[in-house]
């Protein structure tokens, strides 16, 4: 039985860990917010992938498809990390909507450049949240989660960079 035993975790899901219960609770909570944001960002990226238009359609369509695949791939790793620690993770779209900090975009039409800029800002937001979660992991000596977050931070920064470059005005370093 784990030290992380709490009223929130069914005995059938009690995963052994050497982390103190408070660390499991705090890290799991931070990862669940990141997971909710990953689902929100995945769906927004897919939405823009499906609805992008204009002269750069092909390039943007493919880039957003690649980015959405990478974001979706992170969801399983984040959720499984929570479970490895002895925590529980998201169970529904309702939980996602309660925890997400990435805002949805339900507009009927979004110009392509605005799509890219919005996704760039959302990815910057995700990277900042991951860094904050990384600090929490460092505080609790959770190197496994910290290492996973380092990889995701790098991937998120790459998406941010690509979105920035794709959204720049011609002949200008301005975004």
N, C-alpha and C. Protein backbone atom coordinates (compact mmCIF):
# COMPACT_ATOMS: atom_id res chain seq x y z
N UNK A 1 0.85 -1.18 0.00
CA UNK A 1 0.00 0.00 0.00
C UNK A 1 0.89 1.24 0.00
N UNK A 2 0.49 2.26 -0.72
CA UNK A 2 1.32 3.45 -0.85
C UNK A 2 1.15 4.39 0.34
N UNK A 3 2.15 5.24 0.50
CA UNK A 3 2.05 6.30 1.50
C UNK A 3 1.07 7.37 1.05
N UNK A 4 0.71 7.35 -0.22
CA UNK A 4 -0.14 8.39 -0.79
C UNK A 4 -1.62 8.07 -0.63
N UNK A 5 -1.93 7.15 0.25
CA UNK A 5 -3.31 6.75 0.49
C UNK A 5 -4.14 7.96 0.89
N UNK A 6 -5.25 8.18 0.20
CA UNK A 6 -6.14 9.28 0.55
C UNK A 6 -7.57 8.86 0.27
N UNK A 7 -8.50 9.65 0.72
CA UNK A 7 -9.90 9.36 0.50
C UNK A 7 -10.25 9.43 -0.98
N UNK A 8 -9.44 10.11 -1.79
CA UNK A 8 -9.73 10.31 -3.20
C UNK A 8 -9.34 9.11 -4.06
N UNK A 9 -8.47 8.24 -3.57
CA UNK A 9 -7.98 7.13 -4.37
C UNK A 9 -8.57 5.83 -3.84
N UNK A 10 -9.26 5.13 -4.73
CA UNK A 10 -9.83 3.84 -4.38
C UNK A 10 -8.69 2.88 -4.01
N UNK A 11 -8.91 2.02 -3.04
CA UNK A 11 -7.87 1.03 -2.70
C UNK A 11 -7.45 0.20 -3.92
N UNK A 12 -8.37 0.02 -4.86
CA UNK A 12 -8.04 -0.75 -6.06
C UNK A 12 -7.09 0.00 -7.00
N UNK A 13 -6.97 1.31 -6.80
CA UNK A 13 -6.10 2.13 -7.64
C UNK A 13 -4.89 2.65 -6.88
N UNK A 14 -4.71 2.19 -5.66
CA UNK A 14 -3.62 2.68 -4.81
C UNK A 14 -2.29 2.17 -5.34
N UNK A 15 -1.51 3.06 -5.93
CA UNK A 15 -0.23 2.73 -6.54
C UNK A 15 0.90 3.04 -5.56
N UNK A 16 1.82 2.10 -5.37
CA UNK A 16 2.94 2.36 -4.43
C UNK A 16 3.84 3.48 -4.93
N UNK A 17 4.27 4.33 -4.01
CA UNK A 17 5.21 5.40 -4.32
C UNK A 17 5.98 5.75 -3.07
N UNK A 18 7.18 6.29 -3.26
CA UNK A 18 7.95 6.76 -2.12
C UNK A 18 7.75 8.24 -1.87
N UNK A 19 6.94 8.89 -2.71
CA UNK A 19 6.67 10.31 -2.52
C UNK A 19 5.65 10.50 -1.40
N UNK A 20 5.80 11.54 -0.62
CA UNK A 20 4.83 11.80 0.44
C UNK A 20 3.45 12.12 -0.15
N UNK A 21 2.39 11.83 0.58
CA UNK A 21 1.02 12.07 0.07
C UNK A 21 0.81 13.51 -0.40
N UNK A 22 1.34 14.48 0.31
CA UNK A 22 1.16 15.89 -0.10
C UNK A 22 1.80 16.15 -1.46
N UNK A 23 2.96 15.54 -1.71
CA UNK A 23 3.63 15.71 -3.00
C UNK A 23 2.81 15.08 -4.12
N UNK A 24 2.29 13.88 -3.87
CA UNK A 24 1.47 13.20 -4.87
C UNK A 24 0.25 14.06 -5.20
N UNK A 25 -0.38 14.60 -4.18
CA UNK A 25 -1.58 15.41 -4.38
C UNK A 25 -1.26 16.68 -5.19
N UNK A 26 -0.20 17.38 -4.82
CA UNK A 26 0.14 18.63 -5.51
C UNK A 26 0.60 18.39 -6.95
N UNK A 27 1.45 17.41 -7.14
CA UNK A 27 1.96 17.12 -8.49
C UNK A 27 0.84 16.59 -9.37
N UNK A 28 0.01 15.70 -8.84
CA UNK A 28 -1.12 15.17 -9.61
C UNK A 28 -2.07 16.29 -10.02
N UNK A 29 -2.34 17.21 -9.12
CA UNK A 29 -3.23 18.33 -9.43
C UNK A 29 -2.64 19.18 -10.55
N UNK A 30 -1.35 19.48 -10.47
CA UNK A 30 -0.70 20.28 -11.51
C UNK A 30 -0.72 19.54 -12.86
N UNK A 31 -0.46 18.25 -12.84
CA UNK A 31 -0.45 17.48 -14.08
C UNK A 31 -1.86 17.36 -14.67
N UNK A 32 -2.87 17.28 -13.82
CA UNK A 32 -4.23 17.20 -14.33
C UNK A 32 -4.66 18.50 -15.00
N UNK A 33 -4.18 19.64 -14.52
CA UNK A 33 -4.46 20.91 -15.20
C UNK A 33 -3.73 20.92 -16.55
N UNK A 34 -2.48 20.47 -16.56
CA UNK A 34 -1.76 20.38 -17.83
C UNK A 34 -2.46 19.43 -18.80
N UNK A 35 -2.97 18.34 -18.28
CA UNK A 35 -3.68 17.38 -19.12
C UNK A 35 -4.96 18.00 -19.69
N UNK A 36 -5.72 18.71 -18.86
CA UNK A 36 -6.93 19.38 -19.34
C UNK A 36 -6.56 20.41 -20.42
N UNK A 37 -5.50 21.15 -20.18
CA UNK A 37 -5.05 22.13 -21.17
C UNK A 37 -4.58 21.46 -22.46
N UNK A 38 -3.93 20.31 -22.33
CA UNK A 38 -3.49 19.59 -23.53
C UNK A 38 -4.70 19.16 -24.36
N UNK A 39 -5.74 18.67 -23.71
CA UNK A 39 -6.95 18.31 -24.45
C UNK A 39 -7.59 19.53 -25.10
N UNK A 40 -7.65 20.65 -24.37
CA UNK A 40 -8.24 21.88 -24.91
C UNK A 40 -7.41 22.39 -26.09
N UNK A 41 -6.08 22.37 -25.95
CA UNK A 41 -5.21 22.84 -27.03
C UNK A 41 -5.26 21.89 -28.22
N UNK A 42 -5.34 20.60 -27.96
CA UNK A 42 -5.48 19.62 -29.04
C UNK A 42 -6.73 19.92 -29.87
N UNK A 43 -7.86 20.09 -29.19
CA UNK A 43 -9.10 20.31 -29.92
C UNK A 43 -9.10 21.65 -30.65
N UNK A 44 -8.53 22.68 -30.02
CA UNK A 44 -8.46 23.98 -30.71
C UNK A 44 -7.56 23.87 -31.94
N UNK A 45 -6.44 23.19 -31.82
CA UNK A 45 -5.52 23.03 -32.94
C UNK A 45 -6.19 22.23 -34.07
N UNK A 46 -6.93 21.18 -33.70
CA UNK A 46 -7.67 20.41 -34.70
C UNK A 46 -8.76 21.27 -35.35
N UNK A 47 -9.46 22.05 -34.54
CA UNK A 47 -10.49 22.94 -35.05
C UNK A 47 -9.89 23.86 -36.12
N UNK A 48 -8.76 24.47 -35.81
CA UNK A 48 -8.12 25.38 -36.76
C UNK A 48 -7.59 24.60 -37.97
N UNK A 49 -7.10 23.41 -37.76
CA UNK A 49 -6.66 22.54 -38.86
C UNK A 49 -7.83 22.28 -39.82
N UNK A 50 -9.01 22.00 -39.27
CA UNK A 50 -10.18 21.71 -40.10
C UNK A 50 -10.72 22.95 -40.81
N UNK A 51 -10.52 24.13 -40.20
CA UNK A 51 -11.17 25.34 -40.71
C UNK A 51 -10.22 26.38 -41.30
N UNK A 52 -8.95 26.06 -41.41
CA UNK A 52 -8.01 27.02 -42.00
C UNK A 52 -8.35 27.19 -43.48
N UNK A 53 -8.10 28.39 -43.99
CA UNK A 53 -8.37 28.67 -45.40
C UNK A 53 -7.32 29.64 -45.91
N UNK A 54 -7.35 29.90 -47.19
CA UNK A 54 -6.47 30.92 -47.75
C UNK A 54 -5.30 30.36 -48.52
N UNK A 55 -4.42 31.29 -48.93
CA UNK A 55 -3.34 30.92 -49.85
C UNK A 55 -2.29 30.01 -49.23
N UNK A 56 -2.19 29.96 -47.89
CA UNK A 56 -1.24 29.05 -47.23
C UNK A 56 -1.94 27.83 -46.66
N UNK A 57 -3.13 27.55 -47.19
CA UNK A 57 -3.94 26.45 -46.65
C UNK A 57 -3.14 25.16 -46.48
N UNK A 58 -2.50 24.72 -47.52
CA UNK A 58 -1.82 23.42 -47.49
C UNK A 58 -0.77 23.37 -46.38
N UNK A 59 0.09 24.37 -46.33
CA UNK A 59 1.16 24.39 -45.31
C UNK A 59 0.58 24.46 -43.90
N UNK A 60 -0.38 25.34 -43.68
CA UNK A 60 -0.97 25.49 -42.34
C UNK A 60 -1.74 24.24 -41.95
N UNK A 61 -2.47 23.69 -42.89
CA UNK A 61 -3.26 22.49 -42.63
C UNK A 61 -2.35 21.35 -42.16
N UNK A 62 -1.25 21.13 -42.86
CA UNK A 62 -0.32 20.07 -42.49
C UNK A 62 0.39 20.37 -41.17
N UNK A 63 0.82 21.62 -40.97
CA UNK A 63 1.50 21.98 -39.73
C UNK A 63 0.57 21.78 -38.52
N UNK A 64 -0.67 22.23 -38.64
CA UNK A 64 -1.60 22.10 -37.52
C UNK A 64 -1.95 20.64 -37.26
N UNK A 65 -1.99 19.83 -38.30
CA UNK A 65 -2.23 18.40 -38.11
C UNK A 65 -1.08 17.76 -37.34
N UNK A 66 0.15 18.08 -37.74
CA UNK A 66 1.32 17.56 -37.03
C UNK A 66 1.32 18.01 -35.57
N UNK A 67 1.02 19.29 -35.36
CA UNK A 67 1.03 19.81 -33.99
C UNK A 67 -0.06 19.17 -33.14
N UNK A 68 -1.23 18.99 -33.70
CA UNK A 68 -2.30 18.37 -32.92
C UNK A 68 -1.94 16.94 -32.55
N UNK A 69 -1.31 16.22 -33.47
CA UNK A 69 -0.87 14.84 -33.16
C UNK A 69 0.11 14.83 -32.00
N UNK A 70 1.06 15.76 -31.99
CA UNK A 70 2.05 15.82 -30.91
C UNK A 70 1.40 16.17 -29.58
N UNK A 71 0.46 17.09 -29.61
CA UNK A 71 -0.23 17.47 -28.38
C UNK A 71 -1.02 16.28 -27.85
N UNK A 72 -1.75 15.61 -28.73
CA UNK A 72 -2.55 14.46 -28.30
C UNK A 72 -1.65 13.36 -27.73
N UNK A 73 -0.49 13.17 -28.32
CA UNK A 73 0.43 12.13 -27.83
C UNK A 73 0.88 12.40 -26.40
N UNK A 74 0.91 13.67 -26.00
CA UNK A 74 1.34 13.99 -24.63
C UNK A 74 0.29 13.63 -23.60
N UNK A 75 -0.97 13.52 -24.01
CA UNK A 75 -2.04 13.31 -23.02
C UNK A 75 -1.90 11.98 -22.29
N UNK A 76 -1.60 10.93 -23.01
CA UNK A 76 -1.48 9.62 -22.37
C UNK A 76 -0.29 9.60 -21.40
N UNK A 77 0.80 10.21 -21.80
CA UNK A 77 1.98 10.23 -20.93
C UNK A 77 1.72 11.03 -19.65
N UNK A 78 1.02 12.16 -19.78
CA UNK A 78 0.69 12.96 -18.59
C UNK A 78 -0.23 12.18 -17.66
N UNK A 79 -1.27 11.57 -18.21
CA UNK A 79 -2.22 10.82 -17.39
C UNK A 79 -1.55 9.61 -16.73
N UNK A 80 -0.73 8.90 -17.48
CA UNK A 80 -0.05 7.75 -16.90
C UNK A 80 0.95 8.15 -15.83
N UNK A 81 1.54 9.32 -15.97
CA UNK A 81 2.47 9.80 -14.94
C UNK A 81 1.72 10.04 -13.62
N UNK A 82 0.52 10.62 -13.72
CA UNK A 82 -0.30 10.83 -12.52
C UNK A 82 -0.56 9.49 -11.84
N UNK A 83 -0.91 8.49 -12.63
CA UNK A 83 -1.19 7.17 -12.06
C UNK A 83 0.07 6.53 -11.46
N UNK A 84 1.21 6.70 -12.12
CA UNK A 84 2.46 6.14 -11.58
C UNK A 84 2.78 6.71 -10.21
N UNK A 85 2.38 7.96 -10.00
CA UNK A 85 2.63 8.62 -8.72
C UNK A 85 1.64 8.20 -7.64
N UNK A 86 0.56 7.54 -8.05
CA UNK A 86 -0.46 7.14 -7.09
C UNK A 86 -1.66 8.06 -7.07
N UNK A 87 -1.73 8.99 -8.00
CA UNK A 87 -2.87 9.89 -8.08
C UNK A 87 -3.92 9.36 -9.04
N UNK A 88 -5.00 10.10 -9.15
CA UNK A 88 -6.02 9.78 -10.14
C UNK A 88 -6.08 10.94 -11.13
N UNK A 89 -6.58 10.62 -12.30
CA UNK A 89 -6.57 11.62 -13.36
C UNK A 89 -7.96 11.85 -13.92
N UNK A 90 -8.03 12.62 -14.98
CA UNK A 90 -9.30 13.04 -15.56
C UNK A 90 -10.15 11.85 -15.99
N UNK A 91 -11.45 12.03 -15.85
CA UNK A 91 -12.37 10.96 -16.23
C UNK A 91 -13.41 11.42 -17.24
N UNK A 92 -13.47 12.72 -17.54
CA UNK A 92 -14.54 13.18 -18.42
C UNK A 92 -14.22 14.53 -19.05
N UNK A 93 -14.97 14.84 -20.10
CA UNK A 93 -14.88 16.15 -20.73
C UNK A 93 -15.29 17.23 -19.73
N UNK A 94 -16.23 16.90 -18.85
CA UNK A 94 -16.65 17.83 -17.81
C UNK A 94 -15.48 18.24 -16.92
N UNK A 95 -14.66 17.28 -16.53
CA UNK A 95 -13.47 17.60 -15.73
C UNK A 95 -12.50 18.46 -16.52
N UNK A 96 -12.34 18.16 -17.79
CA UNK A 96 -11.47 18.96 -18.65
C UNK A 96 -11.94 20.41 -18.62
N UNK A 97 -13.24 20.62 -18.83
CA UNK A 97 -13.76 21.99 -18.89
C UNK A 97 -13.62 22.72 -17.56
N UNK A 98 -13.65 22.00 -16.46
CA UNK A 98 -13.48 22.64 -15.15
C UNK A 98 -12.03 23.03 -14.88
N UNK A 99 -11.10 22.25 -15.40
CA UNK A 99 -9.68 22.46 -15.08
C UNK A 99 -8.93 23.27 -16.13
N UNK A 100 -9.39 23.28 -17.36
CA UNK A 100 -8.61 23.91 -18.43
C UNK A 100 -8.43 25.40 -18.20
N UNK A 101 -7.24 25.88 -18.56
CA UNK A 101 -6.95 27.32 -18.52
C UNK A 101 -6.78 27.87 -19.93
N UNK A 102 -6.69 27.00 -20.91
CA UNK A 102 -6.66 27.40 -22.32
C UNK A 102 -8.09 27.70 -22.73
N UNK A 103 -8.31 28.87 -23.26
CA UNK A 103 -9.67 29.26 -23.66
C UNK A 103 -10.06 28.60 -24.98
N UNK A 104 -11.32 28.18 -25.07
CA UNK A 104 -11.86 27.64 -26.31
C UNK A 104 -12.04 28.77 -27.32
N UNK A 105 -12.11 28.39 -28.59
CA UNK A 105 -12.44 29.35 -29.64
C UNK A 105 -13.59 28.76 -30.44
N UNK A 106 -14.77 29.33 -30.26
CA UNK A 106 -15.96 28.84 -30.93
C UNK A 106 -16.43 29.76 -32.05
N UNK A 107 -15.53 30.64 -32.50
CA UNK A 107 -15.90 31.57 -33.56
C UNK A 107 -16.20 30.81 -34.85
N UNK A 108 -17.16 31.33 -35.62
CA UNK A 108 -17.53 30.71 -36.89
C UNK A 108 -16.38 30.79 -37.90
N UNK A 109 -15.66 31.92 -37.90
CA UNK A 109 -14.52 32.09 -38.80
C UNK A 109 -13.40 32.83 -38.07
N UNK A 110 -12.21 32.31 -38.20
CA UNK A 110 -11.01 32.95 -37.66
C UNK A 110 -10.01 33.06 -38.81
N UNK A 111 -9.53 34.27 -39.12
CA UNK A 111 -8.53 34.40 -40.18
C UNK A 111 -7.28 33.57 -39.85
N UNK A 112 -6.65 32.99 -40.86
CA UNK A 112 -5.51 32.09 -40.64
C UNK A 112 -4.42 32.67 -39.74
N UNK A 113 -4.01 33.90 -39.99
CA UNK A 113 -2.94 34.48 -39.17
C UNK A 113 -3.36 34.59 -37.71
N UNK A 114 -4.62 34.92 -37.46
CA UNK A 114 -5.12 34.99 -36.08
C UNK A 114 -5.13 33.61 -35.43
N UNK A 115 -5.44 32.58 -36.22
CA UNK A 115 -5.38 31.21 -35.70
C UNK A 115 -3.97 30.90 -35.19
N UNK A 116 -2.99 31.19 -36.05
CA UNK A 116 -1.61 30.88 -35.70
C UNK A 116 -1.16 31.67 -34.48
N UNK A 117 -1.52 32.95 -34.42
CA UNK A 117 -1.14 33.80 -33.29
C UNK A 117 -1.78 33.30 -31.99
N UNK A 118 -3.05 32.91 -32.07
CA UNK A 118 -3.74 32.41 -30.88
C UNK A 118 -3.11 31.10 -30.39
N UNK A 119 -2.83 30.21 -31.31
CA UNK A 119 -2.18 28.96 -30.93
C UNK A 119 -0.77 29.20 -30.38
N UNK A 120 -0.07 30.17 -30.95
CA UNK A 120 1.26 30.51 -30.45
C UNK A 120 1.16 30.95 -28.99
N UNK A 121 0.22 31.83 -28.68
CA UNK A 121 0.03 32.30 -27.31
C UNK A 121 -0.37 31.16 -26.38
N UNK A 122 -1.24 30.28 -26.86
CA UNK A 122 -1.66 29.13 -26.05
C UNK A 122 -0.48 28.21 -25.75
N UNK A 123 0.37 28.00 -26.74
CA UNK A 123 1.55 27.15 -26.52
C UNK A 123 2.52 27.82 -25.55
N UNK A 124 2.68 29.14 -25.65
CA UNK A 124 3.52 29.85 -24.68
C UNK A 124 2.95 29.69 -23.27
N UNK A 125 1.64 29.78 -23.16
CA UNK A 125 0.97 29.58 -21.87
C UNK A 125 1.25 28.18 -21.32
N UNK A 126 1.16 27.18 -22.20
CA UNK A 126 1.43 25.79 -21.79
C UNK A 126 2.87 25.62 -21.31
N UNK A 127 3.81 26.20 -22.04
CA UNK A 127 5.22 26.09 -21.64
C UNK A 127 5.43 26.71 -20.26
N UNK A 128 4.83 27.86 -20.01
CA UNK A 128 4.96 28.52 -18.70
C UNK A 128 4.35 27.65 -17.60
N UNK A 129 3.20 27.06 -17.87
CA UNK A 129 2.56 26.19 -16.88
C UNK A 129 3.39 24.93 -16.62
N UNK A 130 4.02 24.41 -17.67
CA UNK A 130 4.88 23.24 -17.50
C UNK A 130 6.11 23.58 -16.66
N UNK A 131 6.66 24.77 -16.87
CA UNK A 131 7.81 25.19 -16.07
C UNK A 131 7.43 25.31 -14.59
N UNK A 132 6.25 25.83 -14.34
CA UNK A 132 5.77 25.95 -12.96
C UNK A 132 5.60 24.56 -12.33
N UNK A 133 5.03 23.63 -13.09
CA UNK A 133 4.87 22.26 -12.61
C UNK A 133 6.24 21.61 -12.40
N UNK A 134 7.20 21.93 -13.28
CA UNK A 134 8.56 21.40 -13.14
C UNK A 134 9.17 21.87 -11.81
N UNK A 135 8.97 23.14 -11.47
CA UNK A 135 9.48 23.66 -10.19
C UNK A 135 8.88 22.89 -9.02
N UNK A 136 7.60 22.60 -9.10
CA UNK A 136 6.93 21.82 -8.06
C UNK A 136 7.56 20.43 -7.95
N UNK A 137 7.83 19.82 -9.09
CA UNK A 137 8.49 18.51 -9.10
C UNK A 137 9.88 18.59 -8.49
N UNK A 138 10.62 19.63 -8.82
CA UNK A 138 11.95 19.82 -8.23
C UNK A 138 11.85 19.95 -6.72
N UNK A 139 10.87 20.72 -6.26
CA UNK A 139 10.68 20.91 -4.81
C UNK A 139 10.44 19.59 -4.09
N UNK A 140 9.80 18.64 -4.77
CA UNK A 140 9.46 17.35 -4.15
C UNK A 140 10.36 16.22 -4.63
N UNK A 141 11.45 16.58 -5.32
CA UNK A 141 12.43 15.60 -5.81
C UNK A 141 11.80 14.52 -6.69
N UNK A 142 10.86 14.93 -7.54
CA UNK A 142 10.21 14.03 -8.48
C UNK A 142 10.88 14.19 -9.85
N UNK A 143 12.01 13.53 -10.02
CA UNK A 143 12.78 13.68 -11.24
C UNK A 143 12.10 13.02 -12.45
N UNK A 144 11.30 11.99 -12.22
CA UNK A 144 10.62 11.33 -13.33
C UNK A 144 9.65 12.28 -14.03
N UNK A 145 8.83 12.96 -13.25
CA UNK A 145 7.88 13.91 -13.83
C UNK A 145 8.62 15.11 -14.40
N UNK A 146 9.66 15.57 -13.70
CA UNK A 146 10.44 16.72 -14.19
C UNK A 146 11.04 16.41 -15.56
N UNK A 147 11.58 15.21 -15.73
CA UNK A 147 12.17 14.82 -17.01
C UNK A 147 11.14 14.78 -18.13
N UNK A 148 9.97 14.25 -17.83
CA UNK A 148 8.90 14.22 -18.82
C UNK A 148 8.51 15.64 -19.22
N UNK A 149 8.39 16.51 -18.23
CA UNK A 149 8.02 17.90 -18.51
C UNK A 149 9.09 18.61 -19.33
N UNK A 150 10.36 18.30 -19.10
CA UNK A 150 11.43 18.92 -19.88
C UNK A 150 11.25 18.60 -21.37
N UNK A 151 10.92 17.36 -21.67
CA UNK A 151 10.69 16.98 -23.06
C UNK A 151 9.49 17.74 -23.62
N UNK A 152 8.41 17.81 -22.86
CA UNK A 152 7.20 18.50 -23.33
C UNK A 152 7.42 20.00 -23.46
N UNK A 153 8.22 20.58 -22.59
CA UNK A 153 8.54 22.01 -22.72
C UNK A 153 9.25 22.26 -24.04
N UNK A 154 10.23 21.42 -24.36
CA UNK A 154 10.97 21.57 -25.61
C UNK A 154 10.03 21.43 -26.82
N UNK A 155 9.15 20.45 -26.79
CA UNK A 155 8.21 20.26 -27.90
C UNK A 155 7.26 21.45 -28.02
N UNK A 156 6.83 21.99 -26.89
CA UNK A 156 5.91 23.13 -26.88
C UNK A 156 6.61 24.38 -27.41
N UNK A 157 7.86 24.55 -27.02
CA UNK A 157 8.63 25.69 -27.54
C UNK A 157 8.83 25.57 -29.05
N UNK A 158 8.99 24.37 -29.54
CA UNK A 158 9.14 24.17 -30.99
C UNK A 158 7.85 24.56 -31.71
N UNK A 159 6.70 24.14 -31.16
CA UNK A 159 5.42 24.54 -31.76
C UNK A 159 5.27 26.05 -31.75
N UNK A 160 5.63 26.68 -30.64
CA UNK A 160 5.54 28.13 -30.51
C UNK A 160 6.39 28.80 -31.59
N UNK A 161 7.60 28.33 -31.77
CA UNK A 161 8.51 28.87 -32.77
C UNK A 161 7.92 28.74 -34.18
N UNK A 162 7.43 27.55 -34.52
CA UNK A 162 6.86 27.33 -35.85
C UNK A 162 5.65 28.24 -36.08
N UNK A 163 4.80 28.35 -35.07
CA UNK A 163 3.62 29.22 -35.21
C UNK A 163 4.03 30.68 -35.36
N UNK A 164 5.05 31.09 -34.61
CA UNK A 164 5.56 32.46 -34.73
C UNK A 164 6.07 32.72 -36.14
N UNK A 165 6.92 31.84 -36.63
CA UNK A 165 7.50 32.03 -37.96
C UNK A 165 6.44 32.02 -39.05
N UNK A 166 5.46 31.12 -38.93
CA UNK A 166 4.41 31.04 -39.94
C UNK A 166 3.49 32.25 -39.92
N UNK A 167 3.41 32.94 -38.79
CA UNK A 167 2.49 34.07 -38.67
C UNK A 167 3.14 35.43 -38.86
N UNK A 168 4.45 35.44 -39.06
CA UNK A 168 5.15 36.74 -39.25
C UNK A 168 4.71 37.43 -40.52
N UNK A 169 4.77 38.75 -40.49
CA UNK A 169 4.51 39.54 -41.69
C UNK A 169 5.71 39.42 -42.62
N UNK A 170 5.48 39.42 -43.91
CA UNK A 170 6.58 39.32 -44.88
C UNK A 170 7.60 40.43 -44.68
N UNK A 171 8.87 40.08 -44.71
CA UNK A 171 9.95 41.07 -44.63
C UNK A 171 10.07 41.78 -43.29
N UNK A 172 9.49 41.22 -42.28
CA UNK A 172 9.51 41.88 -40.97
C UNK A 172 9.77 40.84 -39.89
N UNK A 173 10.45 41.26 -38.85
CA UNK A 173 10.66 40.39 -37.71
C UNK A 173 9.49 40.52 -36.73
N UNK A 174 8.55 41.41 -37.04
CA UNK A 174 7.39 41.60 -36.18
C UNK A 174 6.41 40.44 -36.36
N UNK A 175 5.77 40.13 -35.30
CA UNK A 175 4.79 39.04 -35.34
C UNK A 175 3.48 39.51 -35.92
